[in-house]
């Protein structure tokens, strides 16, 4: 059962990671077009605003993929000086702390999303984008981060109980 959930999480992370990369590429293209249009004397209002939303969504939705790949920022000053067994337990505590924090943000994002869905709020700009569209990446990104941190913690616990050493820094 755990392996099925782990594969599903990996698939979700991969899809979100690819979508995140595509959004970054799209932002680059849109900003290039905006620069060309400004140079020609025809700037747009929608490209800068859309670029901000796409970039924020890309960062939030790509975070769990980055964590899964072990490519996030990590300070290992203490970890390199402790025995492997202690390192596993510190990694586990760190992952549990990350999961708890991300779960808290996910809960608040859910409450906020429910509120903007009920009120129908929009951005205060000329585009009047519904806020649920701009807020959805926060819920999805932190929800995936919560699950990824939990998977890392469970993987660390399983290795700690088996007495095996840490493998790749943050892979579950």
N, C-alpha and C. Protein backbone atom coordinates (compact mmCIF):
# COMPACT_ATOMS: atom_id res chain seq x y z
N UNK A 1 0.83 -1.20 0.00
CA UNK A 1 0.00 0.00 0.00
C UNK A 1 0.87 1.26 0.00
N UNK A 2 1.91 1.25 0.87
CA UNK A 2 2.78 2.42 0.94
C UNK A 2 3.50 2.65 -0.38
N UNK A 3 3.88 1.58 -1.08
CA UNK A 3 4.59 1.74 -2.35
C UNK A 3 3.68 2.35 -3.42
N UNK A 4 2.39 2.02 -3.38
CA UNK A 4 1.44 2.60 -4.33
C UNK A 4 1.30 4.09 -4.08
N UNK A 5 1.16 4.46 -2.80
CA UNK A 5 1.06 5.89 -2.46
C UNK A 5 2.34 6.63 -2.81
N UNK A 6 3.48 5.98 -2.58
CA UNK A 6 4.76 6.60 -2.89
C UNK A 6 4.89 6.86 -4.39
N UNK A 7 4.48 5.87 -5.21
CA UNK A 7 4.53 6.05 -6.67
C UNK A 7 3.57 7.15 -7.12
N UNK A 8 2.39 7.21 -6.52
CA UNK A 8 1.43 8.25 -6.86
C UNK A 8 1.99 9.63 -6.53
N UNK A 9 2.63 9.74 -5.37
CA UNK A 9 3.24 11.01 -4.97
C UNK A 9 4.38 11.38 -5.92
N UNK A 10 5.20 10.41 -6.29
CA UNK A 10 6.28 10.67 -7.25
C UNK A 10 5.73 11.14 -8.58
N UNK A 11 4.63 10.52 -9.03
CA UNK A 11 4.02 10.91 -10.29
C UNK A 11 3.48 12.34 -10.20
N UNK A 12 2.77 12.65 -9.11
CA UNK A 12 2.26 14.02 -8.92
C UNK A 12 3.39 15.03 -8.88
N UNK A 13 4.46 14.69 -8.17
CA UNK A 13 5.62 15.59 -8.11
C UNK A 13 6.23 15.80 -9.48
N UNK A 14 6.34 14.73 -10.26
CA UNK A 14 6.91 14.84 -11.60
C UNK A 14 6.05 15.72 -12.49
N UNK A 15 4.74 15.49 -12.47
CA UNK A 15 3.82 16.29 -13.28
C UNK A 15 3.91 17.77 -12.88
N UNK A 16 3.90 18.03 -11.57
CA UNK A 16 3.99 19.42 -11.09
C UNK A 16 5.35 20.02 -11.41
N UNK A 17 6.41 19.22 -11.32
CA UNK A 17 7.74 19.70 -11.68
C UNK A 17 7.83 20.08 -13.14
N UNK A 18 7.28 19.23 -14.02
CA UNK A 18 7.27 19.54 -15.45
C UNK A 18 6.41 20.77 -15.74
N UNK A 19 5.25 20.85 -15.11
CA UNK A 19 4.39 22.03 -15.29
C UNK A 19 5.09 23.29 -14.81
N UNK A 20 5.82 23.17 -13.72
CA UNK A 20 6.57 24.30 -13.18
C UNK A 20 7.62 24.77 -14.18
N UNK A 21 8.34 23.82 -14.75
CA UNK A 21 9.35 24.18 -15.75
C UNK A 21 8.73 24.83 -16.97
N UNK A 22 7.58 24.32 -17.41
CA UNK A 22 6.89 24.92 -18.56
C UNK A 22 6.43 26.34 -18.25
N UNK A 23 5.97 26.56 -17.01
CA UNK A 23 5.55 27.91 -16.60
C UNK A 23 6.73 28.87 -16.62
N UNK A 24 7.89 28.41 -16.15
CA UNK A 24 9.08 29.28 -16.16
C UNK A 24 9.46 29.63 -17.59
N UNK A 25 9.40 28.66 -18.48
CA UNK A 25 9.68 28.91 -19.90
C UNK A 25 8.69 29.91 -20.47
N UNK A 26 7.41 29.72 -20.16
CA UNK A 26 6.38 30.64 -20.64
C UNK A 26 6.59 32.05 -20.10
N UNK A 27 6.98 32.16 -18.84
CA UNK A 27 7.25 33.48 -18.26
C UNK A 27 8.39 34.16 -19.04
N UNK A 28 9.43 33.41 -19.32
CA UNK A 28 10.55 33.98 -20.09
C UNK A 28 10.10 34.47 -21.45
N UNK A 29 9.30 33.68 -22.13
CA UNK A 29 8.80 34.08 -23.45
C UNK A 29 7.89 35.30 -23.36
N UNK A 30 6.99 35.30 -22.38
CA UNK A 30 6.09 36.45 -22.21
C UNK A 30 6.86 37.73 -21.91
N UNK A 31 7.85 37.64 -21.05
CA UNK A 31 8.62 38.84 -20.72
C UNK A 31 9.44 39.32 -21.92
N UNK A 32 9.92 38.40 -22.73
CA UNK A 32 10.61 38.78 -23.96
C UNK A 32 9.66 39.56 -24.87
N UNK A 33 8.44 39.04 -25.02
CA UNK A 33 7.43 39.72 -25.85
C UNK A 33 7.12 41.10 -25.27
N UNK A 34 7.00 41.18 -23.94
CA UNK A 34 6.70 42.47 -23.30
C UNK A 34 7.81 43.48 -23.56
N UNK A 35 9.06 43.04 -23.46
CA UNK A 35 10.19 43.95 -23.72
C UNK A 35 10.14 44.44 -25.16
N UNK A 36 9.88 43.53 -26.10
CA UNK A 36 9.79 43.93 -27.51
C UNK A 36 8.64 44.90 -27.73
N UNK A 37 7.51 44.63 -27.11
CA UNK A 37 6.36 45.52 -27.26
C UNK A 37 6.62 46.89 -26.63
N UNK A 38 7.27 46.91 -25.51
CA UNK A 38 7.60 48.20 -24.88
C UNK A 38 8.55 49.00 -25.76
N UNK A 39 9.52 48.31 -26.32
CA UNK A 39 10.47 48.98 -27.21
C UNK A 39 9.75 49.58 -28.41
N UNK A 40 8.71 48.89 -28.87
CA UNK A 40 7.93 49.38 -30.01
C UNK A 40 6.89 50.43 -29.58
N UNK A 41 6.80 50.68 -28.26
CA UNK A 41 5.87 51.68 -27.78
C UNK A 41 4.46 51.17 -27.51
N UNK A 42 4.31 49.84 -27.38
CA UNK A 42 3.00 49.24 -27.14
C UNK A 42 3.03 48.26 -25.97
N UNK A 43 3.32 48.76 -24.77
CA UNK A 43 3.37 47.83 -23.63
C UNK A 43 1.97 47.27 -23.30
N UNK A 44 1.97 46.13 -22.64
CA UNK A 44 0.70 45.52 -22.25
C UNK A 44 0.53 45.64 -20.74
N UNK A 45 -0.71 45.48 -20.30
CA UNK A 45 -0.96 45.43 -18.86
C UNK A 45 -1.00 43.98 -18.38
N UNK A 46 -1.41 43.08 -19.24
CA UNK A 46 -1.65 41.70 -18.82
C UNK A 46 -0.39 40.85 -18.71
N UNK A 47 0.65 41.14 -19.49
CA UNK A 47 1.85 40.29 -19.45
C UNK A 47 2.57 40.38 -18.10
N UNK A 48 2.85 41.57 -17.58
CA UNK A 48 3.53 41.59 -16.26
C UNK A 48 2.73 40.90 -15.16
N UNK A 49 1.42 41.14 -15.13
CA UNK A 49 0.60 40.52 -14.10
C UNK A 49 0.53 39.00 -14.28
N UNK A 50 0.33 38.56 -15.49
CA UNK A 50 0.28 37.12 -15.76
C UNK A 50 1.61 36.46 -15.42
N UNK A 51 2.70 37.14 -15.71
CA UNK A 51 4.02 36.58 -15.43
C UNK A 51 4.24 36.37 -13.94
N UNK A 52 3.76 37.30 -13.13
CA UNK A 52 3.89 37.16 -11.68
C UNK A 52 3.10 35.95 -11.20
N UNK A 53 1.88 35.78 -11.67
CA UNK A 53 1.06 34.65 -11.26
C UNK A 53 1.68 33.33 -11.71
N UNK A 54 2.16 33.29 -12.94
CA UNK A 54 2.78 32.07 -13.45
C UNK A 54 4.05 31.73 -12.67
N UNK A 55 4.86 32.74 -12.38
CA UNK A 55 6.11 32.50 -11.67
C UNK A 55 5.84 32.01 -10.24
N UNK A 56 4.92 32.64 -9.55
CA UNK A 56 4.57 32.21 -8.19
C UNK A 56 4.01 30.79 -8.20
N UNK A 57 3.14 30.50 -9.14
CA UNK A 57 2.59 29.15 -9.26
C UNK A 57 3.67 28.13 -9.55
N UNK A 58 4.62 28.49 -10.40
CA UNK A 58 5.72 27.58 -10.74
C UNK A 58 6.57 27.29 -9.51
N UNK A 59 6.87 28.31 -8.73
CA UNK A 59 7.69 28.10 -7.54
C UNK A 59 6.97 27.23 -6.51
N UNK A 60 5.70 27.50 -6.30
CA UNK A 60 4.94 26.74 -5.30
C UNK A 60 4.73 25.29 -5.73
N UNK A 61 4.39 25.10 -7.00
CA UNK A 61 4.10 23.74 -7.46
C UNK A 61 5.36 22.93 -7.74
N UNK A 62 6.47 23.59 -7.93
CA UNK A 62 7.72 22.87 -8.16
C UNK A 62 8.50 22.57 -6.89
N UNK A 63 8.04 23.06 -5.76
CA UNK A 63 8.80 22.89 -4.50
C UNK A 63 8.89 21.44 -4.06
N UNK A 64 7.79 20.69 -4.15
CA UNK A 64 7.82 19.29 -3.72
C UNK A 64 8.72 18.46 -4.62
N UNK A 65 8.71 18.74 -5.91
CA UNK A 65 9.60 18.05 -6.84
C UNK A 65 11.06 18.34 -6.48
N UNK A 66 11.35 19.59 -6.18
CA UNK A 66 12.70 19.99 -5.79
C UNK A 66 13.12 19.27 -4.51
N UNK A 67 12.22 19.20 -3.54
CA UNK A 67 12.52 18.49 -2.30
C UNK A 67 12.76 17.01 -2.58
N UNK A 68 11.95 16.41 -3.41
CA UNK A 68 12.09 14.99 -3.75
C UNK A 68 13.44 14.71 -4.40
N UNK A 69 13.91 15.64 -5.22
CA UNK A 69 15.17 15.46 -5.92
C UNK A 69 16.38 15.80 -5.05
N UNK A 70 16.14 16.33 -3.85
CA UNK A 70 17.25 16.72 -2.97
C UNK A 70 17.95 17.97 -3.45
N UNK A 71 17.26 18.82 -4.19
CA UNK A 71 17.87 20.01 -4.78
C UNK A 71 17.53 21.29 -4.04
N UNK A 72 16.91 21.19 -2.87
CA UNK A 72 16.57 22.37 -2.10
C UNK A 72 17.77 22.79 -1.25
N UNK A 73 17.68 23.94 -0.65
CA UNK A 73 18.75 24.44 0.22
C UNK A 73 18.74 23.64 1.51
N UNK A 74 19.91 23.22 1.93
CA UNK A 74 20.02 22.38 3.12
C UNK A 74 21.34 22.70 3.82
N UNK A 75 21.29 22.91 5.11
CA UNK A 75 22.48 23.20 5.90
C UNK A 75 22.88 21.91 6.61
N UNK A 76 24.09 21.44 6.35
CA UNK A 76 24.51 20.15 6.89
C UNK A 76 25.69 20.26 7.86
N UNK A 77 25.91 21.43 8.42
CA UNK A 77 27.03 21.60 9.33
C UNK A 77 27.00 20.60 10.48
N UNK A 78 25.85 20.45 11.09
CA UNK A 78 25.71 19.51 12.20
C UNK A 78 25.66 18.07 11.70
N UNK A 79 24.93 17.85 10.62
CA UNK A 79 24.72 16.49 10.12
C UNK A 79 26.02 15.80 9.71
N UNK A 80 26.99 16.54 9.18
CA UNK A 80 28.22 15.90 8.75
C UNK A 80 29.10 15.48 9.93
N UNK A 81 28.78 15.92 11.12
CA UNK A 81 29.61 15.63 12.28
C UNK A 81 29.01 14.59 13.22
N UNK A 82 27.88 14.03 12.86
CA UNK A 82 27.24 13.03 13.73
C UNK A 82 27.26 11.67 13.04
N UNK A 83 27.17 10.61 13.84
CA UNK A 83 27.14 9.26 13.24
C UNK A 83 25.91 9.07 12.35
N UNK A 84 26.01 8.14 11.38
CA UNK A 84 24.91 7.93 10.43
C UNK A 84 23.56 7.65 11.11
N UNK A 85 23.54 6.90 12.17
CA UNK A 85 22.28 6.58 12.85
C UNK A 85 21.64 7.84 13.44
N UNK A 86 22.44 8.71 14.04
CA UNK A 86 21.94 9.98 14.58
C UNK A 86 21.46 10.86 13.42
N UNK A 87 22.18 10.84 12.31
CA UNK A 87 21.81 11.64 11.14
C UNK A 87 20.42 11.24 10.64
N UNK A 88 20.15 9.95 10.65
CA UNK A 88 18.82 9.47 10.20
C UNK A 88 17.74 10.05 11.10
N UNK A 89 17.96 10.03 12.41
CA UNK A 89 16.95 10.55 13.34
C UNK A 89 16.80 12.06 13.23
N UNK A 90 17.90 12.77 13.03
CA UNK A 90 17.81 14.22 12.83
C UNK A 90 17.09 14.55 11.52
N UNK A 91 17.40 13.80 10.48
CA UNK A 91 16.68 13.98 9.21
C UNK A 91 15.19 13.71 9.38
N UNK A 92 14.87 12.69 10.15
CA UNK A 92 13.47 12.35 10.39
C UNK A 92 12.75 13.47 11.13
N UNK A 93 13.39 13.98 12.18
CA UNK A 93 12.79 15.10 12.93
C UNK A 93 12.63 16.33 12.05
N UNK A 94 13.62 16.59 11.23
CA UNK A 94 13.55 17.73 10.32
C UNK A 94 12.40 17.56 9.33
N UNK A 95 12.26 16.36 8.77
CA UNK A 95 11.17 16.10 7.82
C UNK A 95 9.81 16.20 8.51
N UNK A 96 9.71 15.70 9.74
CA UNK A 96 8.44 15.82 10.48
C UNK A 96 8.10 17.28 10.76
N UNK A 97 9.12 18.07 11.11
CA UNK A 97 8.90 19.50 11.33
C UNK A 97 8.46 20.19 10.05
N UNK A 98 9.10 19.84 8.94
CA UNK A 98 8.70 20.39 7.64
C UNK A 98 7.28 20.01 7.29
N UNK A 99 6.93 18.75 7.54
CA UNK A 99 5.56 18.28 7.25
C UNK A 99 4.54 19.03 8.11
N UNK A 100 4.87 19.23 9.38
CA UNK A 100 3.94 19.93 10.28
C UNK A 100 3.74 21.38 9.83
N UNK A 101 4.83 22.06 9.49
CA UNK A 101 4.73 23.44 9.03
C UNK A 101 3.92 23.53 7.74
N UNK A 102 4.25 22.65 6.79
CA UNK A 102 3.54 22.67 5.50
C UNK A 102 2.07 22.30 5.66
N UNK A 103 1.77 21.39 6.58
CA UNK A 103 0.37 21.03 6.85
C UNK A 103 -0.39 22.24 7.39
N UNK A 104 0.26 23.01 8.26
CA UNK A 104 -0.37 24.21 8.80
C UNK A 104 -0.67 25.22 7.69
N UNK A 105 0.31 25.44 6.82
CA UNK A 105 0.09 26.37 5.70
C UNK A 105 -1.00 25.83 4.77
N UNK A 106 -1.02 24.51 4.55
CA UNK A 106 -2.04 23.90 3.70
C UNK A 106 -3.44 24.13 4.28
N UNK A 107 -3.58 23.95 5.59
CA UNK A 107 -4.89 24.18 6.23
C UNK A 107 -5.34 25.63 6.07
N UNK A 108 -4.42 26.56 6.29
CA UNK A 108 -4.78 27.97 6.14
C UNK A 108 -5.08 28.31 4.67
N UNK A 109 -4.33 27.71 3.75
CA UNK A 109 -4.59 27.94 2.33
C UNK A 109 -5.97 27.41 1.95
N UNK A 110 -6.34 26.26 2.51
CA UNK A 110 -7.67 25.68 2.25
C UNK A 110 -8.77 26.63 2.75
N UNK A 111 -8.61 27.15 3.97
CA UNK A 111 -9.59 28.07 4.53
C UNK A 111 -9.71 29.33 3.68
N UNK A 112 -8.57 29.86 3.26
CA UNK A 112 -8.58 31.07 2.45
C UNK A 112 -9.22 30.80 1.08
N UNK A 113 -8.88 29.66 0.49
CA UNK A 113 -9.46 29.30 -0.81
C UNK A 113 -10.97 29.15 -0.71
N UNK A 114 -11.44 28.50 0.34
CA UNK A 114 -12.89 28.35 0.54
C UNK A 114 -13.55 29.72 0.68
N UNK A 115 -12.89 30.64 1.38
CA UNK A 115 -13.43 31.99 1.56
C UNK A 115 -13.53 32.74 0.24
N UNK A 116 -12.46 32.70 -0.59
CA UNK A 116 -12.51 33.45 -1.85
C UNK A 116 -13.45 32.79 -2.85
N UNK A 117 -13.66 31.49 -2.73
CA UNK A 117 -14.65 30.83 -3.59
C UNK A 117 -16.06 31.29 -3.23
N UNK A 118 -16.32 31.45 -1.93
CA UNK A 118 -17.66 31.89 -1.49
C UNK A 118 -17.91 33.36 -1.84
N UNK A 119 -16.89 34.18 -1.67
CA UNK A 119 -17.08 35.61 -1.89
C UNK A 119 -16.92 36.02 -3.35
N UNK A 120 -16.22 35.18 -4.14
CA UNK A 120 -16.01 35.53 -5.55
C UNK A 120 -15.03 36.66 -5.75
N UNK A 121 -14.14 36.87 -4.80
CA UNK A 121 -13.17 37.96 -4.88
C UNK A 121 -12.28 37.83 -6.11
N UNK A 122 -11.84 38.99 -6.60
CA UNK A 122 -10.92 39.04 -7.74
C UNK A 122 -9.74 39.93 -7.37
N UNK A 123 -8.72 39.88 -8.22
CA UNK A 123 -7.56 40.74 -7.99
C UNK A 123 -7.97 42.20 -8.21
N UNK A 124 -7.32 43.13 -7.52
CA UNK A 124 -7.69 44.54 -7.66
C UNK A 124 -7.04 45.21 -8.87
N UNK A 125 -6.78 44.43 -9.91
CA UNK A 125 -6.14 44.97 -11.11
C UNK A 125 -7.14 45.01 -12.25
N UNK A 126 -6.70 45.52 -13.37
CA UNK A 126 -7.61 45.61 -14.52
C UNK A 126 -8.00 44.24 -15.07
N UNK A 127 -7.19 43.20 -14.79
CA UNK A 127 -7.52 41.85 -15.28
C UNK A 127 -8.65 41.20 -14.48
N UNK A 128 -8.81 41.61 -13.22
CA UNK A 128 -9.87 41.07 -12.35
C UNK A 128 -9.86 39.53 -12.34
N UNK A 129 -8.69 38.95 -12.11
CA UNK A 129 -8.53 37.49 -12.06
C UNK A 129 -9.18 36.98 -10.77
N UNK A 130 -10.01 35.96 -10.86
CA UNK A 130 -10.59 35.39 -9.63
C UNK A 130 -9.47 34.91 -8.70
N UNK A 131 -9.58 35.27 -7.42
CA UNK A 131 -8.51 34.94 -6.47
C UNK A 131 -8.32 33.44 -6.28
N UNK A 132 -9.34 32.65 -6.54
CA UNK A 132 -9.15 31.21 -6.36
C UNK A 132 -8.11 30.68 -7.34
N UNK A 133 -8.00 31.32 -8.52
CA UNK A 133 -7.00 30.90 -9.50
C UNK A 133 -5.60 31.22 -9.01
N UNK A 134 -5.43 32.38 -8.41
CA UNK A 134 -4.10 32.75 -7.93
C UNK A 134 -3.74 32.04 -6.63
N UNK A 135 -4.76 31.60 -5.87
CA UNK A 135 -4.51 30.96 -4.58
C UNK A 135 -4.38 29.44 -4.67
N UNK A 136 -4.86 28.84 -5.73
CA UNK A 136 -4.82 27.38 -5.88
C UNK A 136 -3.39 26.82 -5.82
N UNK A 137 -2.39 27.46 -6.45
CA UNK A 137 -1.03 26.91 -6.36
C UNK A 137 -0.50 26.85 -4.92
N UNK A 138 -0.93 27.76 -4.06
CA UNK A 138 -0.49 27.72 -2.66
C UNK A 138 -1.00 26.45 -1.99
N UNK A 139 -2.26 26.15 -2.20
CA UNK A 139 -2.84 24.93 -1.61
C UNK A 139 -2.19 23.68 -2.21
N UNK A 140 -2.09 23.62 -3.52
CA UNK A 140 -1.52 22.44 -4.18
C UNK A 140 -0.05 22.27 -3.82
N UNK A 141 0.72 23.35 -3.88
CA UNK A 141 2.15 23.27 -3.59
C UNK A 141 2.45 22.84 -2.17
N UNK A 142 1.79 23.46 -1.21
CA UNK A 142 2.06 23.10 0.19
C UNK A 142 1.43 21.76 0.55
N UNK A 143 0.33 21.39 -0.11
CA UNK A 143 -0.22 20.06 0.10
C UNK A 143 0.77 18.98 -0.35
N UNK A 144 1.34 19.17 -1.54
CA UNK A 144 2.35 18.22 -2.02
C UNK A 144 3.61 18.23 -1.15
N UNK A 145 4.01 19.40 -0.70
CA UNK A 145 5.18 19.48 0.19
C UNK A 145 4.93 18.72 1.49
N UNK A 146 3.73 18.84 2.03
CA UNK A 146 3.38 18.11 3.25
C UNK A 146 3.53 16.62 3.03
N UNK A 147 2.97 16.13 1.93
CA UNK A 147 3.05 14.70 1.63
C UNK A 147 4.49 14.26 1.37
N UNK A 148 5.27 15.09 0.69
CA UNK A 148 6.66 14.72 0.40
C UNK A 148 7.49 14.67 1.68
N UNK A 149 7.31 15.66 2.55
CA UNK A 149 8.02 15.63 3.84
C UNK A 149 7.62 14.40 4.65
N UNK A 150 6.33 14.07 4.65
CA UNK A 150 5.86 12.89 5.38
C UNK A 150 6.47 11.61 4.80
N UNK A 151 6.55 11.53 3.47
CA UNK A 151 7.16 10.36 2.84
C UNK A 151 8.63 10.26 3.18
N UNK A 152 9.31 11.38 3.24
CA UNK A 152 10.73 11.38 3.62
C UNK A 152 10.88 10.90 5.06
N UNK A 153 10.03 11.41 5.94
CA UNK A 153 10.10 11.00 7.35
C UNK A 153 9.84 9.50 7.49
N UNK A 154 8.84 8.99 6.79
CA UNK A 154 8.56 7.55 6.86
C UNK A 154 9.72 6.72 6.30
N UNK A 155 10.31 7.20 5.22
CA UNK A 155 11.47 6.50 4.66
C UNK A 155 12.64 6.50 5.63
N UNK A 156 12.86 7.63 6.30
CA UNK A 156 13.95 7.72 7.28
C UNK A 156 13.67 6.79 8.46
N UNK A 157 12.43 6.77 8.93
CA UNK A 157 12.08 5.89 10.05
C UNK A 157 12.29 4.42 9.68
N UNK A 158 11.91 4.07 8.46
CA UNK A 158 12.09 2.69 8.02
C UNK A 158 13.57 2.32 7.96
N UNK A 159 14.41 3.23 7.47
CA UNK A 159 15.85 2.97 7.41
C UNK A 159 16.46 2.95 8.80
N UNK A 160 15.97 3.86 9.68
CA UNK A 160 16.48 3.88 11.05
C UNK A 160 16.15 2.60 11.80
N UNK A 161 14.94 2.10 11.59
CA UNK A 161 14.53 0.86 12.25
C UNK A 161 15.30 -0.33 11.70
N UNK A 162 15.64 -0.27 10.40
CA UNK A 162 16.38 -1.37 9.78
C UNK A 162 17.88 -1.27 10.05
N UNK A 163 18.31 -0.11 10.57
CA UNK A 163 19.73 0.06 10.87
C UNK A 163 20.59 0.35 9.66
N UNK A 164 19.96 0.77 8.55
CA UNK A 164 20.73 1.10 7.36
C UNK A 164 21.06 2.58 7.34
N UNK A 165 22.09 2.94 6.64
CA UNK A 165 22.54 4.33 6.58
C UNK A 165 21.73 5.15 5.62
N UNK A 166 21.91 6.46 5.66
CA UNK A 166 21.18 7.35 4.75
C UNK A 166 21.67 7.15 3.32
N UNK A 167 20.73 7.20 2.40
CA UNK A 167 21.09 7.11 0.98
C UNK A 167 21.17 8.52 0.43
N UNK A 168 20.49 8.79 -0.65
CA UNK A 168 20.42 10.14 -1.20
C UNK A 168 19.80 11.06 -0.16
N UNK A 169 20.33 12.24 -0.02
CA UNK A 169 20.00 13.14 1.07
C UNK A 169 18.50 13.26 1.38
N UNK A 170 17.66 13.43 0.38
CA UNK A 170 16.26 13.71 0.69
C UNK A 170 15.29 12.86 -0.07
N UNK A 171 15.68 11.77 -0.58
CA UNK A 171 14.73 10.91 -1.29
C UNK A 171 14.04 10.01 -0.31
N UNK A 172 12.75 9.86 -0.48
CA UNK A 172 11.96 9.02 0.44
C UNK A 172 12.06 7.57 0.04
